[in-house]
Amino acid sequence: MRKSGWLAAGLVAAGAAWAMRDIPAALGAKPAGERAERVRRSPQFDGTAFRNSDPTTVPPAGETKPIMRDLMEGREQRKPHGPIPLVTPSVKPLSSLDVIWYGHASTLIEIEGRRVLFDPMWSDRCSPAAHLGPRRLHEPPARLDTLPQVDAIVISHDHYDHLDMQTIRALVGLQSAPFLVPLGVGAHLERWGVPSFRIVELDWNESVTIAGLHLTVTEARHFSGRGLRRNGTLWGSWVISGATRRVFYTGDSGYFPGYADLGEKHGPFDLALIQIGAYSPSWPDIHMTPEEAIAAHLDLRAKLLIPVHWCTFVLAFHPWGEPVDRLWREAKARGVRLAVPKPGERVAVDQPPLVDGWWQSIS
């Protein structure tokens, strides 16, 4: 065999060995033992899988052809036409409630001197494979090892763009905070080396108090799964309450009437972090449009809206800048207070910067 042939064979063998080792690990693990028993006892579990309170189809029947059409059309609009501007996060807090958005859904809130990190995702791709799947459109604005020590790491659900194996493994050593997750998700974390004493699993409407903060997992309209099986773990939104400040994070969710109930029970909120990207008529039940995000914000009785779940990965067929364009237009029409930070930019919730349309020059 020629040298090039040996080299190619070696590369194939190395790639196969990598895939056999890392891809199964990235898929996570199924709940077992006491964890599985808690899953079975959940009111959200129907005996075989978790369910939304509102019937949900992913995607609706008959949508295969539109999805294939959308996949092939408009590709040039799904990425920015220039570099996404990044800001090196400042260390010094500006107020009793600050936000640093790192891109996609990864967000740090500093609330009354405590820190909560939502859905950290620092890998290059949101995928079980390091060389396949949606790739980042921008670098993280800060390295994981430069993040300050946090008091809680909160996960909304187990999809790859919200729960990343490599990021979790790094955070085990870099941080000492507990990981707060919906029911069943702890099985993934334990497989990846998170000690059991650092995993707190909660069902909808269950709470825990950490470092003086009250954290509650609440309802969302979505689904879960890292492989062929869906809905073996729970998904959720989160309420973070301090002595005087309150934050709501939607995670991923379709719009549903329950937001008004959440606003009544847990609000009003100083801040709502709301998913706005990766929507499509082909899956209307599990991601909100920008206009639905505004409706959810009003239902929640929140003072400031900061959009998340956009900018970093191409996960749907709409143009890259469309979610925040539509959100800004609807916010002005309905009198909603809005901030749209660049990745890495620190925002004081009580004195947010004016929306300046920074994304439009590269859309």
Protein backbone atom coordinates (compact mmCIF):
# COMPACT_ATOMS: atom_id res chain seq x y z
CA MET A 1 0.00 0.00 0.00
CA ARG A 2 1.28 3.49 -0.84
CA LYS A 3 2.16 5.92 1.93
CA SER A 4 -0.91 8.04 1.14
CA GLY A 5 -3.06 4.94 1.41
CA TRP A 6 -1.64 4.08 4.81
CA LEU A 7 -2.20 7.66 5.91
CA ALA A 8 -5.81 7.65 4.74
CA ALA A 9 -6.43 4.31 6.41
CA GLY A 10 -4.90 5.60 9.61
CA LEU A 11 -7.07 8.70 9.56
CA VAL A 12 -10.19 6.61 8.99
CA ALA A 13 -9.24 4.29 11.83
CA ALA A 14 -8.53 7.22 14.16
CA GLY A 15 -11.82 8.83 13.24
CA ALA A 16 -13.69 5.60 13.85
CA ALA A 17 -12.00 5.15 17.22
CA TRP A 18 -12.90 8.72 18.18
CA ALA A 19 -16.51 8.19 17.12
CA MET A 20 -16.81 4.94 19.06
CA ARG A 21 -15.44 6.63 22.19
CA ASP A 22 -16.96 10.12 22.21
CA ILE A 23 -20.27 9.96 20.34
CA PRO A 24 -21.85 7.37 22.68
CA ALA A 25 -20.70 9.41 25.68
CA ALA A 26 -22.18 12.61 24.23
CA LEU A 27 -25.54 10.88 23.86
CA GLY A 28 -25.66 10.78 27.65
CA ALA A 29 -27.44 8.15 29.73
CA LYS A 30 -30.96 7.00 30.51
CA PRO A 31 -32.35 7.60 33.99
CA ALA A 32 -32.01 4.52 36.18
CA GLY A 33 -32.60 3.50 39.78
CA GLU A 34 -34.02 6.17 42.07
CA ARG A 35 -33.74 8.74 39.28
CA ALA A 36 -35.97 6.61 37.03
CA GLU A 37 -38.41 6.14 39.89
CA ARG A 38 -38.71 9.91 40.31
CA VAL A 39 -39.34 10.21 36.57
CA ARG A 40 -42.14 7.64 36.78
CA ARG A 41 -43.78 9.49 39.68
CA SER A 42 -43.85 12.83 37.86
CA PRO A 43 -47.30 14.18 36.89
CA GLN A 44 -45.69 15.16 33.57
CA PHE A 45 -44.76 11.54 32.78
CA ASP A 46 -47.44 9.43 31.08
CA GLY A 47 -45.78 6.06 31.69
CA THR A 48 -43.59 6.12 28.60
CA ALA A 49 -42.50 9.74 28.12
CA PHE A 50 -42.86 13.29 29.40
CA ARG A 51 -45.67 15.35 27.86
CA ASN A 52 -46.57 19.01 27.52
CA SER A 53 -49.76 20.25 29.14
CA ASP A 54 -50.79 21.53 25.68
CA PRO A 55 -50.78 18.85 22.95
CA THR A 56 -47.64 19.29 20.85
CA THR A 57 -46.54 17.83 17.53
CA VAL A 58 -42.88 17.89 16.41
CA PRO A 59 -43.09 18.53 13.47
CA PRO A 60 -46.75 18.56 12.39
CA ALA A 61 -47.86 15.79 10.05
CA GLY A 62 -47.45 16.59 6.36
CA GLU A 63 -44.61 19.08 6.87
CA THR A 64 -41.78 16.98 5.36
CA LYS A 65 -41.95 18.60 1.90
CA PRO A 66 -41.97 22.21 3.21
CA ILE A 67 -38.98 21.38 5.43
CA MET A 68 -37.01 20.00 2.48
CA ARG A 69 -37.93 23.03 0.36
CA ASP A 70 -36.86 25.45 3.09
CA LEU A 71 -33.65 23.51 3.59
CA MET A 72 -32.62 24.07 -0.03
CA GLU A 73 -33.73 27.70 -0.41
CA GLY A 74 -32.33 30.91 1.04
CA ARG A 75 -29.08 29.50 2.41
CA GLU A 76 -27.17 32.73 1.83
CA GLN A 77 -29.44 34.60 4.26
CA ARG A 78 -28.93 32.27 7.23
CA LYS A 79 -25.49 33.61 8.15
CA PRO A 80 -24.26 37.16 8.75
CA HIS A 81 -22.32 38.83 5.95
CA GLY A 82 -19.55 40.01 8.27
CA PRO A 83 -17.97 39.25 11.65
CA ILE A 84 -20.33 39.31 14.61
CA PRO A 85 -19.07 42.01 17.01
CA LEU A 86 -17.96 40.61 20.36
CA VAL A 87 -17.40 42.40 23.65
CA THR A 88 -14.94 41.22 26.30
CA PRO A 89 -17.16 40.95 29.39
CA SER A 90 -16.37 43.46 32.09
CA VAL A 91 -15.77 42.03 35.55
CA LYS A 92 -17.22 44.79 37.69
CA PRO A 93 -20.99 44.64 38.36
CA LEU A 94 -22.96 47.70 37.35
CA SER A 95 -26.02 47.14 39.56
CA SER A 96 -27.85 44.64 41.76
CA LEU A 97 -29.06 42.86 38.61
CA ASP A 98 -26.73 42.52 35.62
CA VAL A 99 -26.74 40.24 32.59
CA ILE A 100 -23.97 38.98 30.35
CA TRP A 101 -25.15 37.12 27.25
CA TYR A 102 -22.41 34.95 25.73
CA GLY A 103 -24.36 33.96 22.61
CA HIS A 104 -27.23 31.57 21.82
CA ALA A 105 -28.82 30.73 25.19
CA SER A 106 -25.68 30.91 27.37
CA THR A 107 -26.27 33.72 29.84
CA LEU A 108 -24.90 34.81 33.21
CA ILE A 109 -27.05 36.79 35.60
CA GLU A 110 -25.59 38.56 38.61
CA ILE A 111 -28.42 39.04 41.05
CA GLU A 112 -27.97 40.61 44.48
CA GLY A 113 -24.31 39.61 44.59
CA ARG A 114 -24.92 36.03 43.43
CA ARG A 115 -24.29 34.51 40.00
CA VAL A 116 -26.35 32.04 37.98
CA LEU A 117 -25.16 30.61 34.65
CA PHE A 118 -27.83 29.41 32.21
CA ASP A 119 -27.31 26.69 29.56
CA PRO A 120 -23.53 27.07 29.07
CA MET A 121 -22.48 25.95 25.59
CA TRP A 122 -18.88 26.71 24.63
CA SER A 123 -18.15 23.99 22.02
CA ASP A 124 -17.63 24.67 18.33
CA ARG A 125 -20.63 22.59 17.28
CA CYS A 126 -23.95 21.66 18.91
CA SER A 127 -23.77 17.98 18.07
CA PRO A 128 -22.60 14.66 19.51
CA ALA A 129 -19.85 14.73 16.86
CA ALA A 130 -16.96 17.20 16.91
CA HIS A 131 -16.85 17.48 13.10
CA LEU A 132 -20.56 17.37 12.20
CA GLY A 133 -23.57 19.50 13.01
CA PRO A 134 -24.30 23.24 13.32
CA ARG A 135 -21.10 25.23 13.82
CA ARG A 136 -20.61 28.46 15.72
CA LEU A 137 -20.90 31.72 13.81
CA HIS A 138 -18.75 33.49 16.41
CA GLU A 139 -16.24 32.55 19.08
CA PRO A 140 -17.37 32.70 22.70
CA PRO A 141 -16.65 36.23 23.94
CA ALA A 142 -14.89 34.80 27.01
CA ARG A 143 -13.03 31.57 27.75
CA LEU A 144 -14.64 29.23 30.24
CA ASP A 145 -11.64 29.52 32.53
CA THR A 146 -12.12 33.30 32.75
CA LEU A 147 -15.69 33.09 34.05
CA PRO A 148 -16.14 34.18 37.67
CA GLN A 149 -17.16 31.61 40.24
CA VAL A 150 -20.92 31.09 40.03
CA ASP A 151 -23.42 29.95 42.64
CA ALA A 152 -25.56 27.76 40.35
CA ILE A 153 -25.37 26.30 36.84
CA VAL A 154 -28.89 25.94 35.46
CA ILE A 155 -29.87 23.71 32.52
CA SER A 156 -33.25 24.05 30.77
CA HIS A 157 -33.24 20.74 28.84
CA ASP A 158 -30.94 18.21 27.21
CA HIS A 159 -30.72 19.32 23.57
CA TYR A 160 -27.17 19.75 22.29
CA ASP A 161 -27.35 23.54 21.95
CA HIS A 162 -28.26 23.81 25.65
CA LEU A 163 -26.45 20.88 27.25
CA ASP A 164 -22.94 20.32 25.93
CA MET A 165 -20.79 17.45 27.19
CA GLN A 166 -17.41 19.14 26.74
CA THR A 167 -18.57 22.33 28.43
CA ILE A 168 -20.04 20.40 31.37
CA ARG A 169 -16.86 18.36 31.79
CA ALA A 170 -14.79 21.56 31.84
CA LEU A 171 -17.09 23.24 34.35
CA VAL A 172 -16.79 20.33 36.78
CA GLY A 173 -13.18 21.31 37.38
CA LEU A 174 -13.44 25.06 36.86
CA GLN A 175 -16.47 25.67 39.08
CA SER A 176 -17.72 24.29 42.41
CA ALA A 177 -21.39 25.24 41.97
CA PRO A 178 -24.23 22.71 41.79
CA PHE A 179 -25.92 21.87 38.50
CA LEU A 180 -29.70 22.40 38.55
CA VAL A 181 -31.57 20.34 35.97
CA PRO A 182 -35.07 19.08 35.15
CA LEU A 183 -35.95 15.48 36.00
CA GLY A 184 -33.85 12.81 34.32
CA VAL A 185 -31.15 15.14 32.97
CA GLY A 186 -28.87 14.27 35.87
CA ALA A 187 -28.19 10.89 34.24
CA HIS A 188 -26.30 12.64 31.45
CA LEU A 189 -24.27 14.67 33.92
CA GLU A 190 -23.29 11.68 36.03
CA ARG A 191 -22.05 9.86 32.92
CA TRP A 192 -19.86 12.88 32.16
CA GLY A 193 -18.25 12.95 35.59
CA VAL A 194 -20.40 15.37 37.59
CA PRO A 195 -20.49 14.15 41.21
CA SER A 196 -23.97 13.19 42.34
CA PHE A 197 -23.83 15.64 45.25
CA ARG A 198 -23.52 18.50 42.73
CA ILE A 199 -26.68 17.52 40.79
CA VAL A 200 -30.08 18.88 41.82
CA GLU A 201 -33.00 17.48 39.78
CA LEU A 202 -36.40 19.12 39.93
CA ASP A 203 -39.86 18.57 38.51
CA TRP A 204 -42.04 21.45 37.36
CA ASN A 205 -42.92 23.75 40.28
CA GLU A 206 -40.22 22.30 42.54
CA SER A 207 -37.71 24.69 44.09
CA VAL A 208 -34.38 24.81 45.85
CA THR A 209 -32.65 27.60 47.76
CA ILE A 210 -28.96 28.14 47.02
CA ALA A 211 -26.81 31.00 48.30
CA GLY A 212 -29.91 32.93 49.30
CA LEU A 213 -31.55 32.57 45.87
CA HIS A 214 -34.81 30.69 45.33
CA LEU A 215 -34.67 28.73 42.06
CA THR A 216 -37.76 27.06 40.61
CA VAL A 217 -38.16 25.00 37.46
CA THR A 218 -41.44 25.89 35.77
CA GLU A 219 -43.42 24.77 32.75
CA ALA A 220 -42.26 25.13 29.13
CA ARG A 221 -43.71 23.78 25.89
CA HIS A 222 -40.93 21.84 24.24
CA PHE A 223 -39.43 18.33 24.04
CA SER A 224 -36.17 16.55 24.84
CA GLY A 225 -33.79 13.89 23.57
CA ARG A 226 -30.19 13.43 22.46
CA GLY A 227 -30.74 10.35 20.28
CA LEU A 228 -33.60 8.55 18.60
CA ARG A 229 -35.71 8.47 21.76
CA ARG A 230 -37.64 11.62 22.61
CA ASN A 231 -39.00 12.95 25.89
CA GLY A 232 -37.24 10.59 28.28
CA THR A 233 -36.10 13.63 30.30
CA LEU A 234 -38.01 16.74 31.32
CA TRP A 235 -37.58 20.29 29.98
CA GLY A 236 -38.47 23.55 31.69
CA SER A 237 -38.23 27.28 32.22
CA TRP A 238 -36.70 28.81 35.34
CA VAL A 239 -37.58 31.42 37.93
CA ILE A 240 -34.72 32.96 39.93
CA SER A 241 -35.82 34.98 42.95
CA GLY A 242 -33.68 37.01 45.32
CA ALA A 243 -34.77 39.18 48.20
CA THR A 244 -36.09 41.90 45.88
CA ARG A 245 -35.15 40.88 42.31
CA ARG A 246 -36.72 38.31 39.98
CA VAL A 247 -35.63 36.81 36.67
CA PHE A 248 -37.46 34.47 34.28
CA TYR A 249 -35.73 32.31 31.67
CA THR A 250 -37.91 30.56 29.10
CA GLY A 251 -35.45 27.91 27.97
CA ASP A 252 -36.84 26.66 24.66
CA SER A 253 -40.60 26.84 24.40
CA GLY A 254 -43.53 27.36 22.11
CA TYR A 255 -46.02 29.96 23.20
CA PHE A 256 -48.75 28.66 25.52
CA PRO A 257 -51.41 30.16 27.84
CA GLY A 258 -49.42 29.07 30.89
CA TYR A 259 -47.19 32.15 30.67
CA ALA A 260 -49.98 34.25 32.14
CA ASP A 261 -50.27 31.80 35.04
CA LEU A 262 -46.51 31.93 35.58
CA GLY A 263 -46.60 35.72 35.60
CA GLU A 264 -49.42 35.69 38.12
CA LYS A 265 -47.75 33.13 40.40
CA HIS A 266 -44.10 34.20 40.22
CA GLY A 267 -44.04 37.70 38.74
CA PRO A 268 -43.68 40.50 38.19
CA PHE A 269 -40.14 40.04 36.90
CA ASP A 270 -37.35 42.56 36.58
CA LEU A 271 -36.01 40.63 33.58
CA ALA A 272 -37.21 38.02 31.12
CA LEU A 273 -34.67 36.10 29.02
CA ILE A 274 -36.81 34.87 26.14
CA GLN A 275 -36.09 32.52 23.24
CA ILE A 276 -36.67 34.21 19.87
CA GLY A 277 -34.76 32.19 17.23
CA ALA A 278 -35.03 28.87 15.37
CA TYR A 279 -38.77 29.18 14.76
CA SER A 280 -40.56 27.77 11.72
CA PRO A 281 -44.11 27.06 10.50
CA SER A 282 -42.91 23.46 10.35
CA TRP A 283 -42.58 23.32 14.16
CA PRO A 284 -44.86 26.03 15.55
CA ASP A 285 -45.47 24.33 18.90
CA ILE A 286 -41.95 24.17 20.31
CA HIS A 287 -40.23 27.51 19.51
CA MET A 288 -41.74 30.98 19.75
CA THR A 289 -41.77 33.53 16.97
CA PRO A 290 -40.53 37.01 17.93
CA GLU A 291 -44.11 38.25 18.15
CA GLU A 292 -45.00 35.38 20.48
CA ALA A 293 -41.94 36.24 22.57
CA ILE A 294 -43.38 39.72 23.11
CA ALA A 295 -46.73 38.20 24.07
CA ALA A 296 -45.01 35.88 26.55
CA HIS A 297 -43.09 38.83 28.02
CA LEU A 298 -46.32 40.73 28.60
CA ASP A 299 -47.98 37.66 30.09
CA LEU A 300 -45.06 37.26 32.48
CA ARG A 301 -45.33 40.91 33.59
CA ALA A 302 -41.63 41.51 33.06
CA LYS A 303 -39.98 44.94 32.94
CA LEU A 304 -37.09 44.26 30.53
CA LEU A 305 -36.80 41.70 27.73
CA ILE A 306 -33.42 40.41 26.57
CA PRO A 307 -33.63 37.97 23.64
CA VAL A 308 -31.65 34.74 23.64
CA HIS A 309 -31.42 31.68 21.38
CA TRP A 310 -30.33 33.55 18.28
CA CYS A 311 -27.11 34.79 16.59
CA THR A 312 -24.71 31.89 17.32
CA PHE A 313 -25.97 28.80 15.46
CA VAL A 314 -28.05 28.24 12.33
CA LEU A 315 -30.87 25.99 13.57
CA ALA A 316 -33.74 27.04 11.30
CA PHE A 317 -34.46 28.49 7.87
CA HIS A 318 -35.16 32.16 8.63
CA PRO A 319 -32.59 34.88 7.80
CA TRP A 320 -29.94 35.39 10.48
CA GLY A 321 -31.05 38.84 11.64
CA GLU A 322 -34.78 38.36 11.17
CA PRO A 323 -35.64 37.27 14.76
CA VAL A 324 -34.30 40.41 16.39
CA ASP A 325 -35.60 42.70 13.61
CA ARG A 326 -39.12 41.36 14.15
CA LEU A 327 -38.72 41.49 17.92
CA TRP A 328 -37.62 45.14 17.87
CA ARG A 329 -40.52 46.11 15.61
CA GLU A 330 -43.07 44.33 17.83
CA ALA A 331 -41.53 45.71 21.01
CA LYS A 332 -41.93 49.28 19.74
CA ALA A 333 -45.50 48.58 18.64
CA ARG A 334 -46.49 47.19 22.03
CA GLY A 335 -44.42 49.42 24.31
CA VAL A 336 -42.07 46.70 25.56
CA ARG A 337 -38.73 47.70 27.08
CA LEU A 338 -35.98 45.87 25.18
CA ALA A 339 -32.21 45.44 25.28
CA VAL A 340 -30.23 43.63 22.55
CA PRO A 341 -26.64 43.25 23.79
CA LYS A 342 -23.73 42.11 21.66
CA PRO A 343 -22.26 38.77 22.78
CA GLY A 344 -20.23 39.47 25.91
CA GLU A 345 -21.77 42.86 26.66
CA ARG A 346 -22.74 43.51 30.28
CA VAL A 347 -26.19 45.04 30.79
CA ALA A 348 -27.52 46.69 33.94
CA VAL A 349 -31.19 45.74 33.93
CA ASP A 350 -32.36 49.05 35.43
CA GLN A 351 -30.34 51.13 32.95
CA PRO A 352 -30.04 49.10 29.74
CA PRO A 353 -28.40 50.55 26.63
CA LEU A 354 -30.66 51.82 23.87
CA VAL A 355 -31.26 49.35 21.05
CA ASP A 356 -28.98 50.48 18.24
CA GLY A 357 -29.55 47.83 15.56
CA TRP A 358 -25.90 46.67 15.68
CA TRP A 359 -26.78 43.44 13.84
CA GLN A 360 -28.35 45.14 10.82
CA SER A 361 -25.08 46.09 9.11
CA ILE A 362 -24.14 42.39 8.80
CA SER A 363 -27.60 40.92 8.25
